[in-house]
Amino acid sequence: MIYLNYSNLNEETQTQLLENSKKEIQERFGVDIRNYADENHIDFDKMLEEEAQRNLYSYDFVFII
């Protein structure tokens, strides 16, 4: 679970959440994504960004109001 302060959902916080998601995806699936990107001539960083955004939907957020 990720605990967020409802009054602090600024761009910096959102960027940090996306970076954390990227790190998680790269650790878990980095080799597979790189292989797929190389085989299909797709930009690895763009694909990693898309997967990280999808991964954010799997998180459980708790908002502190």
N, C-alpha and C. Protein backbone atom coordinates (compact mmCIF):
# COMPACT_ATOMS: atom_id res chain seq x y z
N MET A 1 0.82 -1.17 0.00
CA MET A 1 0.00 0.00 0.00
C MET A 1 0.87 1.24 0.00
N ILE A 2 0.38 2.23 -0.68
CA ILE A 2 1.09 3.50 -0.74
C ILE A 2 0.23 4.54 -0.05
N TYR A 3 0.81 5.20 0.93
CA TYR A 3 0.10 6.22 1.67
C TYR A 3 0.45 7.58 1.11
N LEU A 4 -0.57 8.33 0.72
CA LEU A 4 -0.37 9.65 0.15
C LEU A 4 -1.13 10.69 0.94
N ASN A 5 -0.50 11.83 1.09
CA ASN A 5 -1.17 12.97 1.70
C ASN A 5 -2.00 13.62 0.60
N TYR A 6 -3.30 13.70 0.80
CA TYR A 6 -4.22 14.19 -0.23
C TYR A 6 -3.87 15.61 -0.66
N SER A 7 -3.33 16.41 0.23
CA SER A 7 -3.01 17.80 -0.11
C SER A 7 -1.65 17.93 -0.80
N ASN A 8 -0.95 16.82 -1.00
CA ASN A 8 0.38 16.89 -1.62
C ASN A 8 0.45 15.96 -2.83
N LEU A 9 -0.42 16.17 -3.80
CA LEU A 9 -0.39 15.36 -5.02
C LEU A 9 0.18 16.19 -6.18
N ASN A 10 1.23 16.92 -5.88
CA ASN A 10 1.82 17.79 -6.88
C ASN A 10 2.59 16.98 -7.92
N GLU A 11 3.14 17.66 -8.89
CA GLU A 11 3.85 17.00 -9.99
C GLU A 11 5.06 16.21 -9.49
N GLU A 12 5.74 16.74 -8.50
CA GLU A 12 6.92 16.05 -7.95
C GLU A 12 6.54 14.70 -7.36
N THR A 13 5.44 14.65 -6.62
CA THR A 13 4.97 13.40 -6.02
C THR A 13 4.57 12.41 -7.10
N GLN A 14 3.87 12.89 -8.12
CA GLN A 14 3.45 12.03 -9.21
C GLN A 14 4.65 11.48 -9.97
N THR A 15 5.65 12.31 -10.18
CA THR A 15 6.86 11.88 -10.86
C THR A 15 7.59 10.82 -10.05
N GLN A 16 7.64 11.02 -8.74
CA GLN A 16 8.30 10.04 -7.86
C GLN A 16 7.58 8.70 -7.89
N LEU A 17 6.25 8.72 -7.89
CA LEU A 17 5.49 7.47 -7.98
C LEU A 17 5.78 6.75 -9.28
N LEU A 18 5.86 7.48 -10.38
CA LEU A 18 6.15 6.88 -11.67
C LEU A 18 7.57 6.31 -11.70
N GLU A 19 8.53 7.02 -11.11
CA GLU A 19 9.90 6.51 -11.06
C GLU A 19 9.99 5.24 -10.24
N ASN A 20 9.28 5.19 -9.12
CA ASN A 20 9.26 3.98 -8.30
C ASN A 20 8.66 2.81 -9.08
N SER A 21 7.61 3.09 -9.83
CA SER A 21 6.97 2.06 -10.64
C SER A 21 7.93 1.57 -11.73
N LYS A 22 8.66 2.49 -12.35
CA LYS A 22 9.64 2.11 -13.39
C LYS A 22 10.70 1.17 -12.81
N LYS A 23 11.20 1.53 -11.64
CA LYS A 23 12.23 0.69 -11.00
C LYS A 23 11.69 -0.70 -10.72
N GLU A 24 10.47 -0.76 -10.23
CA GLU A 24 9.86 -2.05 -9.92
C GLU A 24 9.69 -2.89 -11.18
N ILE A 25 9.20 -2.28 -12.25
CA ILE A 25 9.00 -3.00 -13.51
C ILE A 25 10.34 -3.45 -14.08
N GLN A 26 11.33 -2.58 -14.03
CA GLN A 26 12.63 -2.94 -14.59
C GLN A 26 13.27 -4.09 -13.80
N GLU A 27 13.10 -4.10 -12.49
CA GLU A 27 13.65 -5.20 -11.69
C GLU A 27 12.94 -6.51 -11.98
N ARG A 28 11.62 -6.45 -12.14
CA ARG A 28 10.84 -7.68 -12.33
C ARG A 28 10.85 -8.18 -13.76
N PHE A 29 10.72 -7.26 -14.73
CA PHE A 29 10.52 -7.68 -16.12
C PHE A 29 11.49 -7.04 -17.10
N GLY A 30 12.54 -6.39 -16.61
CA GLY A 30 13.45 -5.63 -17.46
C GLY A 30 14.03 -6.42 -18.62
N VAL A 31 14.50 -7.63 -18.35
CA VAL A 31 15.12 -8.45 -19.40
C VAL A 31 14.09 -8.84 -20.45
N ASP A 32 12.91 -9.23 -20.02
CA ASP A 32 11.85 -9.62 -20.96
C ASP A 32 11.41 -8.44 -21.83
N ILE A 33 11.25 -7.28 -21.20
CA ILE A 33 10.84 -6.10 -21.96
C ILE A 33 11.92 -5.70 -22.95
N ARG A 34 13.18 -5.75 -22.53
CA ARG A 34 14.27 -5.38 -23.44
C ARG A 34 14.33 -6.35 -24.62
N ASN A 35 14.19 -7.63 -24.37
CA ASN A 35 14.20 -8.62 -25.45
C ASN A 35 13.06 -8.37 -26.42
N TYR A 36 11.87 -8.14 -25.89
CA TYR A 36 10.71 -7.88 -26.74
C TYR A 36 10.91 -6.60 -27.56
N ALA A 37 11.42 -5.56 -26.92
CA ALA A 37 11.65 -4.29 -27.62
C ALA A 37 12.69 -4.45 -28.73
N ASP A 38 13.75 -5.20 -28.46
CA ASP A 38 14.78 -5.42 -29.48
C ASP A 38 14.24 -6.23 -30.65
N GLU A 39 13.48 -7.26 -30.36
CA GLU A 39 12.94 -8.12 -31.41
C GLU A 39 11.95 -7.38 -32.30
N ASN A 40 11.20 -6.44 -31.71
CA ASN A 40 10.15 -5.74 -32.45
C ASN A 40 10.51 -4.30 -32.80
N HIS A 41 11.77 -3.93 -32.61
CA HIS A 41 12.29 -2.60 -32.96
C HIS A 41 11.46 -1.48 -32.31
N ILE A 42 11.26 -1.62 -30.99
CA ILE A 42 10.51 -0.65 -30.21
C ILE A 42 11.48 0.00 -29.22
N ASP A 43 11.28 1.28 -28.96
CA ASP A 43 12.12 1.99 -28.00
C ASP A 43 11.89 1.43 -26.59
N PHE A 44 12.94 0.94 -25.97
CA PHE A 44 12.85 0.32 -24.65
C PHE A 44 12.33 1.29 -23.60
N ASP A 45 12.85 2.52 -23.60
CA ASP A 45 12.43 3.50 -22.59
C ASP A 45 10.96 3.85 -22.71
N LYS A 46 10.47 3.97 -23.94
CA LYS A 46 9.05 4.27 -24.15
C LYS A 46 8.20 3.10 -23.65
N MET A 47 8.62 1.91 -23.93
CA MET A 47 7.87 0.73 -23.50
C MET A 47 7.89 0.60 -21.97
N LEU A 48 9.04 0.88 -21.37
CA LEU A 48 9.15 0.85 -19.91
C LEU A 48 8.23 1.89 -19.28
N GLU A 49 8.16 3.07 -19.87
CA GLU A 49 7.27 4.14 -19.37
C GLU A 49 5.81 3.69 -19.42
N GLU A 50 5.40 3.07 -20.52
CA GLU A 50 4.02 2.61 -20.65
C GLU A 50 3.70 1.52 -19.64
N GLU A 51 4.62 0.59 -19.46
CA GLU A 51 4.39 -0.48 -18.49
C GLU A 51 4.36 0.06 -17.06
N ALA A 52 5.17 1.06 -16.78
CA ALA A 52 5.18 1.67 -15.45
C ALA A 52 3.85 2.36 -15.16
N GLN A 53 3.29 3.02 -16.16
CA GLN A 53 1.99 3.67 -15.99
C GLN A 53 0.91 2.63 -15.74
N ARG A 54 0.95 1.53 -16.49
CA ARG A 54 -0.02 0.45 -16.25
C ARG A 54 0.15 -0.13 -14.85
N ASN A 55 1.37 -0.24 -14.41
CA ASN A 55 1.67 -0.82 -13.10
C ASN A 55 1.08 0.03 -11.97
N LEU A 56 0.99 1.34 -12.17
CA LEU A 56 0.43 2.20 -11.14
C LEU A 56 -1.01 1.83 -10.81
N TYR A 57 -1.73 1.29 -11.79
CA TYR A 57 -3.12 0.89 -11.54
C TYR A 57 -3.22 -0.33 -10.63
N SER A 58 -2.14 -1.06 -10.45
CA SER A 58 -2.17 -2.23 -9.60
C SER A 58 -1.84 -1.89 -8.13
N TYR A 59 -1.44 -0.66 -7.87
CA TYR A 59 -1.11 -0.25 -6.51
C TYR A 59 -2.37 0.02 -5.71
N ASP A 60 -2.27 -0.18 -4.42
CA ASP A 60 -3.35 0.20 -3.49
C ASP A 60 -2.93 1.50 -2.82
N PHE A 61 -3.69 2.55 -3.07
CA PHE A 61 -3.38 3.86 -2.51
C PHE A 61 -4.29 4.13 -1.32
N VAL A 62 -3.72 4.73 -0.29
CA VAL A 62 -4.47 5.19 0.87
C VAL A 62 -4.23 6.67 0.97
N PHE A 63 -5.30 7.45 0.88
CA PHE A 63 -5.18 8.89 0.94
C PHE A 63 -5.43 9.38 2.34
N ILE A 64 -4.53 10.18 2.84
CA ILE A 64 -4.64 10.78 4.17
C ILE A 64 -5.20 12.19 3.98
N ILE A 65 -6.35 12.41 4.52
CA ILE A 65 -7.02 13.71 4.33
C ILE A 65 -6.91 14.53 5.60
